[in-house]
Amino acid sequence: MKLIISTEIRTEYPDLRIGIVIAENIFNSEYKEGLKEYCSKRFKEFSHKFNSEKELSEVKNILAWQNIYRSFGVNPKKKCPTAEALLSRVIKTGFVPCINPAVDSYLIAETLHNLPIGGYDLNKINGDIMLRFSPGGESFLGIGSKDVENTGC
């Protein structure tokens, strides 16, 4: 299995940098002692870091992702970049639901760096992973959402 970045993406965004972490043999169905408390503490600290979503939207990494969304024709005020959507929810409510230890851990990293971070179960992926422009029509189920969306892009 490989991560393939399309020529179009590499051409349009030559400064793009992607980090990859592969964790093997993790026990992801039970929280180890202290992890839930640590996550709750970090989310609470983050929610108090900004007085408003407006302050969040002035953060360098958030601004960069808003500009990237605009560059491919998506209004970031209507379809928030993923990191901004999560971080705005934390600011509004001070709460992010516990999903599982792996997801909660990378969501904490997202709050620390204000960047989009994703996770995938490689045992459930067949073939290569391709980063490319969307042809449109992909289904998407967001964290905490009950309804599947169509990208429409």
N, C-alpha and C. Protein backbone atom coordinates (compact mmCIF):
# COMPACT_ATOMS: atom_id res chain seq x y z
N MET A 1 0.85 -1.17 0.00
CA MET A 1 0.00 0.00 0.00
C MET A 1 0.90 1.24 0.00
N LYS A 2 0.50 2.23 -0.82
CA LYS A 2 1.25 3.48 -0.92
C LYS A 2 0.29 4.66 -0.80
N LEU A 3 0.85 5.80 -0.39
CA LEU A 3 0.13 7.07 -0.46
C LEU A 3 0.61 7.72 -1.75
N ILE A 4 -0.33 7.97 -2.65
CA ILE A 4 0.00 8.60 -3.93
C ILE A 4 -0.62 9.98 -3.96
N ILE A 5 0.21 10.97 -4.25
CA ILE A 5 -0.27 12.34 -4.39
C ILE A 5 -0.31 12.65 -5.87
N SER A 6 -1.48 13.01 -6.37
CA SER A 6 -1.65 13.22 -7.82
C SER A 6 -0.75 14.34 -8.32
N THR A 7 -0.43 14.26 -9.59
CA THR A 7 0.38 15.29 -10.24
C THR A 7 -0.29 16.65 -10.12
N GLU A 8 -1.62 16.68 -10.26
CA GLU A 8 -2.35 17.95 -10.17
C GLU A 8 -2.20 18.58 -8.78
N ILE A 9 -2.27 17.78 -7.75
CA ILE A 9 -2.10 18.30 -6.39
C ILE A 9 -0.67 18.79 -6.20
N ARG A 10 0.32 17.99 -6.62
CA ARG A 10 1.72 18.40 -6.46
C ARG A 10 2.03 19.67 -7.23
N THR A 11 1.41 19.84 -8.40
CA THR A 11 1.63 21.04 -9.21
C THR A 11 0.97 22.25 -8.58
N GLU A 12 -0.26 22.09 -8.15
CA GLU A 12 -1.02 23.21 -7.58
C GLU A 12 -0.50 23.64 -6.21
N TYR A 13 0.01 22.68 -5.43
CA TYR A 13 0.46 22.95 -4.06
C TYR A 13 1.87 22.40 -3.85
N PRO A 14 2.87 23.03 -4.47
CA PRO A 14 4.23 22.49 -4.38
C PRO A 14 4.82 22.51 -2.97
N ASP A 15 4.28 23.33 -2.08
CA ASP A 15 4.79 23.40 -0.71
C ASP A 15 4.08 22.45 0.25
N LEU A 16 3.15 21.64 -0.26
CA LEU A 16 2.40 20.70 0.58
C LEU A 16 3.36 19.74 1.28
N ARG A 17 3.14 19.56 2.56
CA ARG A 17 3.90 18.60 3.35
C ARG A 17 2.91 17.72 4.09
N ILE A 18 3.15 16.41 4.03
CA ILE A 18 2.26 15.45 4.69
C ILE A 18 3.12 14.54 5.56
N GLY A 19 2.70 14.38 6.80
CA GLY A 19 3.37 13.44 7.69
C GLY A 19 2.51 12.19 7.83
N ILE A 20 3.16 11.07 7.99
CA ILE A 20 2.44 9.80 8.13
C ILE A 20 2.98 9.08 9.37
N VAL A 21 2.06 8.60 10.19
CA VAL A 21 2.41 7.77 11.34
C VAL A 21 1.64 6.47 11.18
N ILE A 22 2.33 5.37 11.28
CA ILE A 22 1.65 4.07 11.23
C ILE A 22 1.83 3.41 12.58
N ALA A 23 0.71 3.12 13.22
CA ALA A 23 0.72 2.46 14.52
C ALA A 23 0.22 1.03 14.32
N GLU A 24 0.98 0.09 14.82
CA GLU A 24 0.59 -1.31 14.69
C GLU A 24 0.34 -1.91 16.08
N ASN A 25 -0.48 -2.92 16.10
CA ASN A 25 -0.76 -3.67 17.32
C ASN A 25 -1.27 -2.77 18.45
N ILE A 26 -2.14 -1.83 18.10
CA ILE A 26 -2.70 -0.99 19.15
C ILE A 26 -4.02 -1.59 19.62
N PHE A 27 -4.30 -1.41 20.87
CA PHE A 27 -5.54 -1.88 21.46
C PHE A 27 -6.44 -0.66 21.55
N ASN A 28 -7.35 -0.52 20.59
CA ASN A 28 -8.08 0.73 20.42
C ASN A 28 -9.50 0.69 20.96
N SER A 29 -9.84 -0.35 21.66
CA SER A 29 -11.22 -0.42 22.15
C SER A 29 -11.34 -0.09 23.64
N GLU A 30 -10.21 0.14 24.29
CA GLU A 30 -10.27 0.44 25.72
C GLU A 30 -9.27 1.56 26.03
N TYR A 31 -9.72 2.52 26.80
CA TYR A 31 -8.86 3.64 27.18
C TYR A 31 -7.91 3.21 28.29
N LYS A 32 -6.63 3.49 28.11
CA LYS A 32 -5.66 3.26 29.18
C LYS A 32 -5.85 4.34 30.24
N GLU A 33 -5.41 4.03 31.41
CA GLU A 33 -5.60 4.93 32.55
C GLU A 33 -5.10 6.34 32.23
N GLY A 34 -5.97 7.31 32.43
CA GLY A 34 -5.59 8.71 32.28
C GLY A 34 -5.82 9.32 30.91
N LEU A 35 -6.04 8.52 29.86
CA LEU A 35 -6.16 9.10 28.52
C LEU A 35 -7.42 9.95 28.38
N LYS A 36 -8.56 9.46 28.84
CA LYS A 36 -9.79 10.26 28.74
C LYS A 36 -9.65 11.58 29.50
N GLU A 37 -9.07 11.50 30.67
CA GLU A 37 -8.88 12.70 31.48
C GLU A 37 -7.93 13.68 30.78
N TYR A 38 -6.86 13.13 30.20
CA TYR A 38 -5.89 13.98 29.48
C TYR A 38 -6.57 14.67 28.30
N CYS A 39 -7.35 13.91 27.53
CA CYS A 39 -8.05 14.48 26.37
C CYS A 39 -9.01 15.57 26.82
N SER A 40 -9.77 15.29 27.85
CA SER A 40 -10.74 16.27 28.35
C SER A 40 -10.01 17.55 28.79
N LYS A 41 -8.90 17.39 29.48
CA LYS A 41 -8.13 18.55 29.95
C LYS A 41 -7.60 19.36 28.76
N ARG A 42 -7.05 18.68 27.75
CA ARG A 42 -6.49 19.39 26.58
C ARG A 42 -7.58 20.12 25.82
N PHE A 43 -8.73 19.49 25.61
CA PHE A 43 -9.83 20.15 24.90
C PHE A 43 -10.32 21.36 25.70
N LYS A 44 -10.40 21.22 27.00
CA LYS A 44 -10.84 22.34 27.83
C LYS A 44 -9.84 23.48 27.74
N GLU A 45 -8.54 23.17 27.81
CA GLU A 45 -7.51 24.20 27.69
C GLU A 45 -7.63 24.91 26.34
N PHE A 46 -7.83 24.11 25.29
CA PHE A 46 -7.96 24.71 23.96
C PHE A 46 -9.19 25.61 23.89
N SER A 47 -10.30 25.16 24.44
CA SER A 47 -11.54 25.94 24.34
C SER A 47 -11.41 27.28 25.04
N HIS A 48 -10.50 27.38 26.01
CA HIS A 48 -10.28 28.65 26.71
C HIS A 48 -9.17 29.49 26.08
N LYS A 49 -8.49 28.93 25.11
CA LYS A 49 -7.38 29.63 24.45
C LYS A 49 -7.88 30.78 23.58
N PHE A 50 -9.08 30.62 23.02
CA PHE A 50 -9.65 31.63 22.13
C PHE A 50 -10.95 32.15 22.72
N ASN A 51 -11.18 33.43 22.60
CA ASN A 51 -12.42 34.02 23.10
C ASN A 51 -13.57 33.85 22.12
N SER A 52 -13.22 33.59 20.85
CA SER A 52 -14.27 33.46 19.84
C SER A 52 -13.74 32.69 18.64
N GLU A 53 -14.69 32.28 17.80
CA GLU A 53 -14.30 31.63 16.55
C GLU A 53 -13.57 32.61 15.64
N LYS A 54 -13.88 33.90 15.77
CA LYS A 54 -13.20 34.91 14.97
C LYS A 54 -11.70 34.90 15.26
N GLU A 55 -11.33 34.79 16.54
CA GLU A 55 -9.91 34.71 16.89
C GLU A 55 -9.27 33.47 16.26
N LEU A 56 -9.98 32.36 16.28
CA LEU A 56 -9.47 31.14 15.67
C LEU A 56 -9.23 31.35 14.19
N SER A 57 -10.14 32.04 13.51
CA SER A 57 -10.01 32.22 12.07
C SER A 57 -8.83 33.12 11.69
N GLU A 58 -8.18 33.72 12.68
CA GLU A 58 -7.01 34.56 12.42
C GLU A 58 -5.69 33.81 12.66
N VAL A 59 -5.76 32.54 13.05
CA VAL A 59 -4.57 31.72 13.28
C VAL A 59 -3.96 31.34 11.92
N LYS A 60 -2.63 31.42 11.85
CA LYS A 60 -1.91 31.20 10.59
C LYS A 60 -2.31 29.91 9.87
N ASN A 61 -2.33 28.79 10.57
CA ASN A 61 -2.65 27.51 9.91
C ASN A 61 -4.11 27.45 9.47
N ILE A 62 -5.00 28.06 10.22
CA ILE A 62 -6.42 28.09 9.82
C ILE A 62 -6.58 28.96 8.59
N LEU A 63 -5.93 30.14 8.58
CA LEU A 63 -5.98 31.02 7.40
C LEU A 63 -5.44 30.32 6.16
N ALA A 64 -4.36 29.59 6.33
CA ALA A 64 -3.75 28.88 5.19
C ALA A 64 -4.75 27.88 4.60
N TRP A 65 -5.44 27.12 5.46
CA TRP A 65 -6.40 26.14 4.95
C TRP A 65 -7.63 26.81 4.34
N GLN A 66 -8.04 27.95 4.87
CA GLN A 66 -9.14 28.68 4.25
C GLN A 66 -8.73 29.10 2.83
N ASN A 67 -7.51 29.56 2.67
CA ASN A 67 -7.02 29.96 1.34
C ASN A 67 -6.92 28.78 0.39
N ILE A 68 -6.52 27.63 0.91
CA ILE A 68 -6.46 26.42 0.07
C ILE A 68 -7.86 26.05 -0.40
N TYR A 69 -8.85 26.09 0.50
CA TYR A 69 -10.23 25.79 0.11
C TYR A 69 -10.69 26.75 -0.99
N ARG A 70 -10.41 28.04 -0.81
CA ARG A 70 -10.79 29.02 -1.84
C ARG A 70 -10.12 28.70 -3.17
N SER A 71 -8.86 28.23 -3.12
CA SER A 71 -8.12 27.97 -4.35
C SER A 71 -8.73 26.85 -5.18
N PHE A 72 -9.48 25.95 -4.55
CA PHE A 72 -10.16 24.93 -5.36
C PHE A 72 -11.67 25.14 -5.41
N GLY A 73 -12.08 26.40 -5.16
CA GLY A 73 -13.46 26.79 -5.43
C GLY A 73 -14.46 26.52 -4.34
N VAL A 74 -14.01 26.28 -3.12
CA VAL A 74 -14.92 26.03 -2.01
C VAL A 74 -14.88 27.23 -1.07
N ASN A 75 -16.05 27.74 -0.72
CA ASN A 75 -16.14 28.85 0.21
C ASN A 75 -15.91 28.30 1.63
N PRO A 76 -14.79 28.67 2.29
CA PRO A 76 -14.50 28.11 3.60
C PRO A 76 -15.45 28.56 4.70
N LYS A 77 -16.29 29.54 4.41
CA LYS A 77 -17.30 29.94 5.39
C LYS A 77 -18.52 29.03 5.31
N LYS A 78 -18.74 28.41 4.14
CA LYS A 78 -19.86 27.48 3.99
C LYS A 78 -19.44 26.04 4.29
N LYS A 79 -18.26 25.66 3.85
CA LYS A 79 -17.69 24.34 4.11
C LYS A 79 -16.35 24.55 4.79
N CYS A 80 -16.37 24.53 6.11
CA CYS A 80 -15.16 24.79 6.90
C CYS A 80 -14.09 23.73 6.64
N PRO A 81 -12.83 24.16 6.57
CA PRO A 81 -11.75 23.17 6.59
C PRO A 81 -11.89 22.30 7.85
N THR A 82 -11.49 21.05 7.75
CA THR A 82 -11.76 20.09 8.82
C THR A 82 -11.21 20.52 10.17
N ALA A 83 -9.98 21.01 10.21
CA ALA A 83 -9.42 21.43 11.50
C ALA A 83 -10.23 22.57 12.08
N GLU A 84 -10.60 23.54 11.25
CA GLU A 84 -11.38 24.68 11.74
C GLU A 84 -12.74 24.22 12.26
N ALA A 85 -13.37 23.28 11.60
CA ALA A 85 -14.68 22.79 12.04
C ALA A 85 -14.57 22.16 13.43
N LEU A 86 -13.58 21.30 13.61
CA LEU A 86 -13.39 20.67 14.92
C LEU A 86 -13.08 21.72 15.98
N LEU A 87 -12.13 22.60 15.68
CA LEU A 87 -11.69 23.57 16.68
C LEU A 87 -12.79 24.56 17.02
N SER A 88 -13.61 24.94 16.04
CA SER A 88 -14.75 25.82 16.31
C SER A 88 -15.74 25.15 17.24
N ARG A 89 -15.97 23.86 17.01
CA ARG A 89 -16.90 23.12 17.88
C ARG A 89 -16.37 23.07 19.31
N VAL A 90 -15.06 22.88 19.46
CA VAL A 90 -14.48 22.84 20.80
C VAL A 90 -14.64 24.20 21.47
N ILE A 91 -14.41 25.29 20.72
CA ILE A 91 -14.55 26.63 21.28
C ILE A 91 -16.00 26.90 21.69
N LYS A 92 -16.95 26.52 20.83
CA LYS A 92 -18.38 26.77 21.12
C LYS A 92 -18.86 25.98 22.32
N THR A 93 -18.49 24.70 22.37
CA THR A 93 -19.10 23.83 23.36
C THR A 93 -18.14 23.39 24.47
N GLY A 94 -16.82 23.50 24.21
CA GLY A 94 -15.85 23.01 25.17
C GLY A 94 -15.80 21.50 25.25
N PHE A 95 -16.42 20.84 24.28
CA PHE A 95 -16.56 19.38 24.36
C PHE A 95 -16.37 18.76 22.98
N VAL A 96 -15.67 17.66 22.95
CA VAL A 96 -15.57 16.79 21.77
C VAL A 96 -15.88 15.39 22.26
N PRO A 97 -16.77 14.68 21.59
CA PRO A 97 -17.12 13.34 22.08
C PRO A 97 -15.93 12.40 22.04
N CYS A 98 -15.88 11.49 23.01
CA CYS A 98 -14.87 10.43 22.99
C CYS A 98 -15.29 9.43 21.92
N ILE A 99 -14.36 9.14 21.02
CA ILE A 99 -14.67 8.21 19.94
C ILE A 99 -13.95 6.90 20.17
N ASN A 100 -12.65 6.94 20.24
CA ASN A 100 -11.82 5.82 20.64
C ASN A 100 -10.43 6.37 20.92
N PRO A 101 -9.56 5.61 21.56
CA PRO A 101 -8.26 6.16 21.95
C PRO A 101 -7.44 6.74 20.79
N ALA A 102 -7.42 6.08 19.65
CA ALA A 102 -6.62 6.56 18.52
C ALA A 102 -7.18 7.87 17.98
N VAL A 103 -8.48 7.92 17.74
CA VAL A 103 -9.10 9.14 17.21
C VAL A 103 -8.97 10.28 18.20
N ASP A 104 -9.25 10.02 19.45
CA ASP A 104 -9.13 11.08 20.46
C ASP A 104 -7.71 11.63 20.49
N SER A 105 -6.72 10.77 20.35
CA SER A 105 -5.32 11.20 20.38
C SER A 105 -4.98 12.10 19.20
N TYR A 106 -5.44 11.75 18.00
CA TYR A 106 -5.09 12.65 16.89
C TYR A 106 -5.93 13.91 16.89
N LEU A 107 -7.12 13.88 17.50
CA LEU A 107 -7.88 15.13 17.63
C LEU A 107 -7.17 16.08 18.59
N ILE A 108 -6.53 15.54 19.62
CA ILE A 108 -5.73 16.38 20.51
C ILE A 108 -4.59 17.01 19.73
N ALA A 109 -3.92 16.24 18.88
CA ALA A 109 -2.83 16.79 18.06
C ALA A 109 -3.36 17.90 17.16
N GLU A 110 -4.58 17.74 16.66
CA GLU A 110 -5.19 18.76 15.81
C GLU A 110 -5.39 20.07 16.59
N THR A 111 -5.79 19.97 17.85
CA THR A 111 -5.97 21.19 18.65
C THR A 111 -4.62 21.83 18.99
N LEU A 112 -3.58 21.04 19.11
CA LEU A 112 -2.27 21.58 19.45
C LEU A 112 -1.63 22.32 18.27
N HIS A 113 -1.90 21.84 17.04
CA HIS A 113 -1.22 22.38 15.86
C HIS A 113 -2.13 23.12 14.89
N ASN A 114 -3.44 23.10 15.14
CA ASN A 114 -4.41 23.80 14.27
C ASN A 114 -4.29 23.34 12.82
N LEU A 115 -4.08 22.06 12.64
CA LEU A 115 -3.95 21.48 11.30
C LEU A 115 -4.88 20.28 11.18
N PRO A 116 -5.33 19.97 9.96
CA PRO A 116 -6.18 18.78 9.79
C PRO A 116 -5.35 17.51 9.94
N ILE A 117 -5.87 16.59 10.71
CA ILE A 117 -5.21 15.30 10.93
C ILE A 117 -6.27 14.23 10.75
N GLY A 118 -5.93 13.19 10.05
CA GLY A 118 -6.89 12.12 9.81
C GLY A 118 -6.31 10.78 10.22
N GLY A 119 -7.17 9.82 10.36
CA GLY A 119 -6.73 8.48 10.70
C GLY A 119 -7.52 7.45 9.93
N TYR A 120 -6.86 6.37 9.61
CA TYR A 120 -7.48 5.31 8.81
C TYR A 120 -7.06 3.96 9.36
N ASP A 121 -7.97 3.02 9.34
CA ASP A 121 -7.66 1.65 9.70
C ASP A 121 -7.15 0.96 8.44
N LEU A 122 -5.83 0.76 8.37
CA LEU A 122 -5.23 0.21 7.16
C LEU A 122 -5.71 -1.21 6.86
N ASN A 123 -6.23 -1.90 7.86
CA ASN A 123 -6.78 -3.24 7.62
C ASN A 123 -8.08 -3.19 6.81
N LYS A 124 -8.68 -2.00 6.74
CA LYS A 124 -9.95 -1.87 6.02
C LYS A 124 -9.79 -1.15 4.69
N ILE A 125 -8.56 -0.88 4.29
CA ILE A 125 -8.31 -0.20 3.02
C ILE A 125 -7.69 -1.18 2.05
N ASN A 126 -8.29 -1.24 0.87
CA ASN A 126 -7.74 -2.08 -0.19
C ASN A 126 -7.05 -1.19 -1.20
N GLY A 127 -5.83 -1.52 -1.57
CA GLY A 127 -5.11 -0.77 -2.59
C GLY A 127 -4.42 0.45 -2.01
N ASP A 128 -4.05 1.35 -2.89
CA ASP A 128 -3.32 2.55 -2.52
C ASP A 128 -4.28 3.65 -2.06
N ILE A 129 -3.73 4.60 -1.33
CA ILE A 129 -4.48 5.78 -0.91
C ILE A 129 -4.06 6.91 -1.85
N MET A 130 -5.04 7.57 -2.46
CA MET A 130 -4.76 8.62 -3.44
C MET A 130 -5.25 9.96 -2.93
N LEU A 131 -4.34 10.94 -2.89
CA LEU A 131 -4.72 12.31 -2.61
C LEU A 131 -4.86 13.00 -3.96
N ARG A 132 -6.09 13.42 -4.27
CA ARG A 132 -6.38 14.00 -5.58
C ARG A 132 -7.53 14.97 -5.43
N PHE A 133 -7.75 15.76 -6.46
CA PHE A 133 -8.94 16.60 -6.46
C PHE A 133 -10.15 15.71 -6.60
N SER A 134 -11.22 16.08 -5.92
CA SER A 134 -12.45 15.31 -5.96
C SER A 134 -13.16 15.50 -7.29
N PRO A 135 -13.59 14.41 -7.90
CA PRO A 135 -14.44 14.56 -9.07
C PRO A 135 -15.88 14.90 -8.67
N GLY A 136 -16.17 14.82 -7.35
CA GLY A 136 -17.50 15.13 -6.84
C GLY A 136 -18.29 13.87 -6.57
N GLY A 137 -19.26 14.02 -5.69
CA GLY A 137 -20.17 12.92 -5.42
C GLY A 137 -19.72 11.92 -4.37
N GLU A 138 -18.54 12.10 -3.75
CA GLU A 138 -18.13 11.17 -2.71
C GLU A 138 -19.02 11.33 -1.48
N SER A 139 -19.23 10.23 -0.77
CA SER A 139 -19.99 10.28 0.48
C SER A 139 -19.04 10.56 1.62
N PHE A 140 -19.55 11.26 2.63
CA PHE A 140 -18.73 11.63 3.77
C PHE A 140 -19.59 11.65 5.03
N LEU A 141 -19.11 11.02 6.08
CA LEU A 141 -19.79 11.04 7.37
C LEU A 141 -18.85 11.71 8.35
N GLY A 142 -19.19 12.92 8.75
CA GLY A 142 -18.35 13.69 9.66
C GLY A 142 -18.45 13.20 11.08
N ILE A 143 -17.39 13.48 11.86
CA ILE A 143 -17.38 13.12 13.28
C ILE A 143 -18.56 13.78 13.97
N GLY A 144 -19.31 13.00 14.69
CA GLY A 144 -20.45 13.52 15.44
C GLY A 144 -21.70 13.72 14.59
N SER A 145 -21.60 13.42 13.29
CA SER A 145 -22.74 13.59 12.40
C SER A 145 -23.51 12.29 12.27
N LYS A 146 -24.81 12.42 12.07
CA LYS A 146 -25.62 11.22 11.86
C LYS A 146 -25.96 11.03 10.38
N ASP A 147 -25.75 12.10 9.60
CA ASP A 147 -26.14 12.08 8.19
C ASP A 147 -24.92 12.05 7.28
N VAL A 148 -24.97 11.17 6.28
CA VAL A 148 -23.92 11.12 5.26
C VAL A 148 -24.15 12.27 4.30
N GLU A 149 -23.05 12.99 3.99
CA GLU A 149 -23.12 14.10 3.04
C GLU A 149 -22.50 13.69 1.73
N ASN A 150 -22.90 14.34 0.67
CA ASN A 150 -22.24 14.23 -0.62
C ASN A 150 -21.35 15.44 -0.77
N THR A 151 -20.11 15.25 -1.26
CA THR A 151 -19.19 16.37 -1.34
C THR A 151 -19.69 17.44 -2.29
N GLY A 152 -20.23 17.03 -3.41
CA GLY A 152 -20.76 17.99 -4.36
C GLY A 152 -19.73 18.87 -5.02
N CYS A 153 -18.46 18.69 -4.69
CA CYS A 153 -17.42 19.54 -5.27
C CYS A 153 -17.06 19.07 -6.66
